[in-house]
N, C-alpha and C. Protein backbone atom coordinates (compact mmCIF):
# COMPACT_ATOMS: atom_id res chain seq x y z
N MET A 1 0.91 -1.09 -0.34
CA MET A 1 -0.16 -0.28 0.32
C MET A 1 1.36 1.15 0.19
N TRP A 2 2.46 1.31 0.52
CA TRP A 2 3.25 2.21 0.86
C TRP A 2 3.71 2.28 -0.27
N ARG A 3 3.84 2.05 -1.46
CA ARG A 3 4.17 2.36 -2.87
C ARG A 3 2.97 3.22 -3.62
N ASP A 4 1.80 2.99 -3.39
CA ASP A 4 1.24 4.04 -4.18
C ASP A 4 1.16 5.47 -3.61
N THR A 5 1.68 5.73 -2.59
CA THR A 5 1.51 7.37 -1.89
C THR A 5 2.31 8.52 -3.15
N LYS A 6 3.38 7.62 -3.74
CA LYS A 6 3.88 8.62 -5.07
C LYS A 6 2.81 9.10 -6.24
N ARG A 7 2.22 8.10 -6.65
CA ARG A 7 1.32 8.02 -7.83
C ARG A 7 -0.22 9.35 -7.54
N THR A 8 -0.22 10.38 -8.24
CA THR A 8 -0.91 11.22 -8.69
C THR A 8 -1.91 10.85 -8.68
N PRO A 9 -3.25 11.68 -8.03
CA PRO A 9 -4.91 11.08 -7.50
C PRO A 9 -4.92 11.25 -8.97
N LYS A 10 -6.09 10.42 -9.37
CA LYS A 10 -6.87 10.49 -10.80
C LYS A 10 -8.84 10.09 -10.22
N ILE A 11 -8.62 11.23 -11.12
CA ILE A 11 -10.32 11.18 -11.35
C ILE A 11 -11.09 10.65 -12.72
N ALA A 12 -11.27 9.45 -12.86
CA ALA A 12 -11.63 8.62 -14.16
C ALA A 12 -10.29 8.01 -14.37
N TRP A 13 -9.46 8.66 -15.71
CA TRP A 13 -7.97 8.62 -16.14
C TRP A 13 -7.11 9.51 -16.21
N ILE A 14 -8.33 10.61 -15.88
CA ILE A 14 -7.56 12.46 -15.70
C ILE A 14 -6.81 12.39 -14.61
N ASP A 15 -5.41 13.47 -14.57
CA ASP A 15 -4.98 13.55 -13.30
C ASP A 15 -5.81 15.02 -12.61
N ALA A 16 -5.77 14.69 -11.29
CA ALA A 16 -6.98 15.29 -10.80
C ALA A 16 -6.48 16.92 -10.62
N SER A 17 -5.60 17.04 -10.51
CA SER A 17 -4.92 18.84 -10.31
C SER A 17 -5.29 19.39 -11.70
N ALA A 18 -6.19 18.85 -12.44
CA ALA A 18 -6.66 19.18 -13.99
C ALA A 18 -8.17 19.67 -13.85
N PHE A 19 -8.87 19.42 -12.40
CA PHE A 19 -10.16 19.65 -12.36
C PHE A 19 -10.25 20.77 -11.43
N ILE A 20 -8.85 21.64 -11.34
CA ILE A 20 -8.94 22.73 -10.21
C ILE A 20 -9.56 23.76 -10.79
N PRO A 21 -9.95 23.92 -12.60
CA PRO A 21 -10.17 25.25 -13.11
C PRO A 21 -12.51 24.27 -12.39
N VAL A 22 -12.23 23.23 -12.74
CA VAL A 22 -13.49 22.80 -12.35
C VAL A 22 -14.15 23.88 -10.93
N PHE A 23 -13.01 23.61 -9.55
CA PHE A 23 -13.22 23.77 -8.80
C PHE A 23 -13.67 25.34 -8.14
N VAL A 24 -12.68 25.90 -8.70
CA VAL A 24 -12.70 27.83 -9.23
C VAL A 24 -13.91 28.11 -9.69
N MET A 25 -14.48 27.20 -11.04
CA MET A 25 -16.05 27.46 -11.17
C MET A 25 -16.93 27.10 -10.17
N LEU A 26 -16.89 26.23 -9.63
CA LEU A 26 -17.53 26.58 -8.11
C LEU A 26 -18.06 27.32 -6.99
N VAL A 27 -16.96 28.06 -7.62
CA VAL A 27 -16.63 29.42 -5.90
C VAL A 27 -17.42 30.54 -6.74
N HIS A 28 -16.65 30.58 -8.05
CA HIS A 28 -17.13 31.85 -9.08
C HIS A 28 -17.68 31.36 -10.05
N ILE A 29 -19.43 31.21 -10.29
CA ILE A 29 -20.27 30.45 -11.31
C ILE A 29 -20.49 31.10 -12.14
N ARG A 30 -20.10 31.45 -13.37
CA ARG A 30 -20.20 32.20 -14.35
C ARG A 30 -20.37 31.57 -15.57
N LEU A 31 -21.05 31.93 -17.04
CA LEU A 31 -20.62 31.82 -18.12
C LEU A 31 -19.34 30.72 -18.86
N TRP A 32 -18.49 31.93 -18.17
CA TRP A 32 -17.29 31.94 -19.33
C TRP A 32 -16.54 30.84 -18.37
N THR A 33 -16.61 31.04 -16.48
CA THR A 33 -16.13 30.30 -16.08
C THR A 33 -16.01 28.41 -16.24
N PHE A 34 -17.12 28.08 -16.34
CA PHE A 34 -18.10 26.67 -16.62
C PHE A 34 -17.03 26.22 -18.07
N GLU A 35 -17.16 27.43 -18.96
CA GLU A 35 -16.15 27.01 -20.38
C GLU A 35 -15.10 26.83 -20.38
N VAL A 36 -14.45 28.07 -19.20
CA VAL A 36 -12.91 27.42 -19.01
C VAL A 36 -12.75 26.48 -18.71
N SER A 37 -13.71 26.14 -17.86
CA SER A 37 -12.79 24.35 -16.90
C SER A 37 -13.46 23.73 -18.24
N VAL A 38 -14.56 23.59 -18.37
CA VAL A 38 -14.69 22.57 -19.76
C VAL A 38 -13.76 22.08 -20.71
N VAL A 39 -13.33 23.88 -21.42
CA VAL A 39 -11.99 23.45 -22.46
C VAL A 39 -10.53 22.83 -21.52
N SER A 40 -10.52 23.50 -20.56
CA SER A 40 -8.81 22.82 -19.55
C SER A 40 -9.27 21.75 -19.32
N VAL A 41 -10.28 20.96 -18.79
CA VAL A 41 -10.26 19.40 -18.81
C VAL A 41 -10.48 18.56 -19.64
N GLY A 42 -10.74 18.99 -21.18
CA GLY A 42 -10.82 18.37 -22.27
C GLY A 42 -8.85 19.01 -22.48
N PHE A 43 -8.52 19.63 -22.09
CA PHE A 43 -7.01 19.81 -23.15
C PHE A 43 -6.13 18.82 -22.24
N PHE A 44 -6.54 19.07 -20.81
CA PHE A 44 -5.55 18.22 -19.78
C PHE A 44 -5.71 16.14 -20.06
N THR A 45 -7.56 16.17 -21.04
CA THR A 45 -7.84 14.80 -21.00
C THR A 45 -7.07 14.03 -22.23
N VAL A 46 -6.31 15.30 -23.45
CA VAL A 46 -5.96 14.93 -24.34
C VAL A 46 -4.77 14.55 -24.64
N LEU A 47 -4.01 15.11 -23.09
CA LEU A 47 -2.87 14.90 -22.72
C LEU A 47 -2.72 14.01 -21.88
N ALA A 48 -3.15 13.36 -21.66
CA ALA A 48 -3.20 12.29 -20.37
C ALA A 48 -3.47 11.05 -21.63
N LYS A 49 -3.92 11.30 -22.80
CA LYS A 49 -4.04 10.62 -23.60
C LYS A 49 -2.30 9.77 -24.62
N PHE A 50 -1.95 11.37 -24.58
CA PHE A 50 -0.96 10.82 -24.80
C PHE A 50 0.52 10.73 -23.91
N GLY A 51 -0.07 10.58 -22.36
CA GLY A 51 0.63 10.42 -21.52
C GLY A 51 1.50 11.72 -21.15
N ILE A 52 0.75 12.28 -20.74
CA ILE A 52 1.37 13.96 -20.51
C ILE A 52 0.76 14.05 -19.18
N THR A 53 1.53 14.69 -18.23
CA THR A 53 0.73 14.86 -16.82
C THR A 53 1.08 16.56 -16.90
N PRO A 54 -0.08 17.44 -16.04
CA PRO A 54 0.26 18.60 -16.19
C PRO A 54 2.05 19.08 -15.66
N ALA A 55 2.40 18.27 -14.58
CA ALA A 55 3.85 18.72 -13.94
C ALA A 55 4.63 18.05 -15.33
N VAL A 56 4.66 17.03 -15.85
CA VAL A 56 5.21 17.16 -17.04
C VAL A 56 5.36 18.01 -17.88
N LEU A 57 3.86 18.75 -18.34
CA LEU A 57 3.85 20.23 -19.28
C LEU A 57 4.63 21.56 -18.65
N TYR A 58 4.58 21.50 -17.27
CA TYR A 58 4.87 22.40 -16.72
C TYR A 58 6.58 22.25 -17.11
N ARG A 59 7.30 21.10 -16.74
CA ARG A 59 8.63 21.21 -17.19
C ARG A 59 8.88 21.15 -18.53
N LYS A 60 8.23 20.59 -19.57
CA LYS A 60 8.40 21.11 -20.85
C LYS A 60 8.27 22.37 -21.19
N ILE A 61 7.67 23.23 -21.27
CA ILE A 61 7.51 24.38 -20.93
C ILE A 61 8.66 25.25 -20.45
N ARG A 62 8.97 24.69 -19.41
CA ARG A 62 9.85 25.58 -18.67
C ARG A 62 11.55 25.36 -19.41
N HIS A 63 11.54 23.86 -19.97
CA HIS A 63 12.75 23.91 -20.64
C HIS A 63 12.62 24.77 -21.57
N LYS A 64 11.60 24.46 -22.60
CA LYS A 64 12.25 25.87 -23.77
C LYS A 64 11.87 26.85 -23.35
N VAL A 65 11.10 27.38 -22.45
CA VAL A 65 11.96 29.16 -21.81
C VAL A 65 13.39 29.15 -21.91
N CYS A 66 13.52 28.47 -20.59
CA CYS A 66 14.76 28.51 -20.29
C CYS A 66 16.49 28.23 -21.39
N GLY A 67 15.86 26.85 -22.04
CA GLY A 67 16.54 26.79 -22.64
C GLY A 67 17.77 25.06 -22.48
N ARG A 68 18.88 25.28 -22.58
CA ARG A 68 19.34 24.04 -22.43
C ARG A 68 20.46 23.91 -21.75
N VAL A 69 20.99 25.02 -21.73
CA VAL A 69 22.29 25.70 -20.87
C VAL A 69 21.85 25.84 -19.48
N ARG A 70 22.08 25.88 -18.47
CA ARG A 70 21.83 26.32 -17.46
C ARG A 70 23.54 26.87 -16.41
N TYR A 71 23.38 28.07 -15.81
CA TYR A 71 24.36 28.08 -15.89
C TYR A 71 25.13 28.08 -14.40
N ALA A 72 25.98 27.62 -13.66
CA ALA A 72 26.01 27.65 -12.14
C ALA A 72 26.07 28.66 -11.51
N ARG A 73 26.23 30.23 -11.98
CA ARG A 73 26.44 31.10 -11.30
C ARG A 73 25.14 32.13 -12.16
N PRO A 74 24.37 32.80 -10.68
CA PRO A 74 23.32 33.88 -11.26
C PRO A 74 23.65 35.08 -12.19
N TRP A 75 23.39 35.35 -12.53
CA TRP A 75 23.19 36.79 -13.77
C TRP A 75 24.43 37.76 -12.80
N TRP A 76 23.40 38.07 -11.58
CA TRP A 76 24.26 39.12 -10.65
C TRP A 76 26.00 38.91 -10.49
N TYR A 77 26.05 38.14 -9.92
CA TYR A 77 27.68 37.53 -10.85
C TYR A 77 28.28 37.71 -11.12
N TRP A 78 27.82 37.51 -12.24
CA TRP A 78 28.67 37.86 -14.02
C TRP A 78 28.74 39.62 -13.81
N LYS A 79 27.71 40.10 -13.32
CA LYS A 79 27.64 41.75 -13.49
C LYS A 79 28.78 42.14 -12.54
N ARG A 80 28.46 41.78 -11.72
CA ARG A 80 29.34 42.17 -10.08
C ARG A 80 30.70 41.84 -10.65
N PHE A 81 31.54 40.48 -10.76
CA PHE A 81 32.64 40.32 -10.82
C PHE A 81 33.07 39.93 -12.28
N GLY A 82 32.68 39.90 -13.19
CA GLY A 82 32.93 39.80 -14.76
C GLY A 82 33.01 38.30 -15.19
N LEU A 83 33.09 38.14 -16.24
CA LEU A 83 33.29 36.63 -17.08
C LEU A 83 34.76 35.95 -15.99
N PRO A 84 34.86 34.76 -16.25
CA PRO A 84 35.91 34.07 -15.64
C PRO A 84 37.16 34.20 -16.68
N LYS A 85 38.38 34.58 -16.59
CA LYS A 85 39.37 34.38 -16.94
C LYS A 85 40.51 32.80 -17.02
N TYR A 86 39.90 32.31 -18.04
CA TYR A 86 40.77 30.99 -18.48
C TYR A 86 42.33 30.71 -19.00
């Protein structure tokens, strides 16, 4: 039983975090929030069919934005001390 603690909770076959817009809709009931929640659950359903969870999607987007190279020093270090002399 303890092996199942890492698995993400699912409602049907969809990741439970995809239903967060539905819970927002329950607090703020309007037609546009209903439409946004239906579209978002549909979007995450399509992603679930391809085997992509919201966490994996977030990591993929972050990888595209940040790029392939991650520097060990922050930007302010290079601004203050300059580039290293090799």
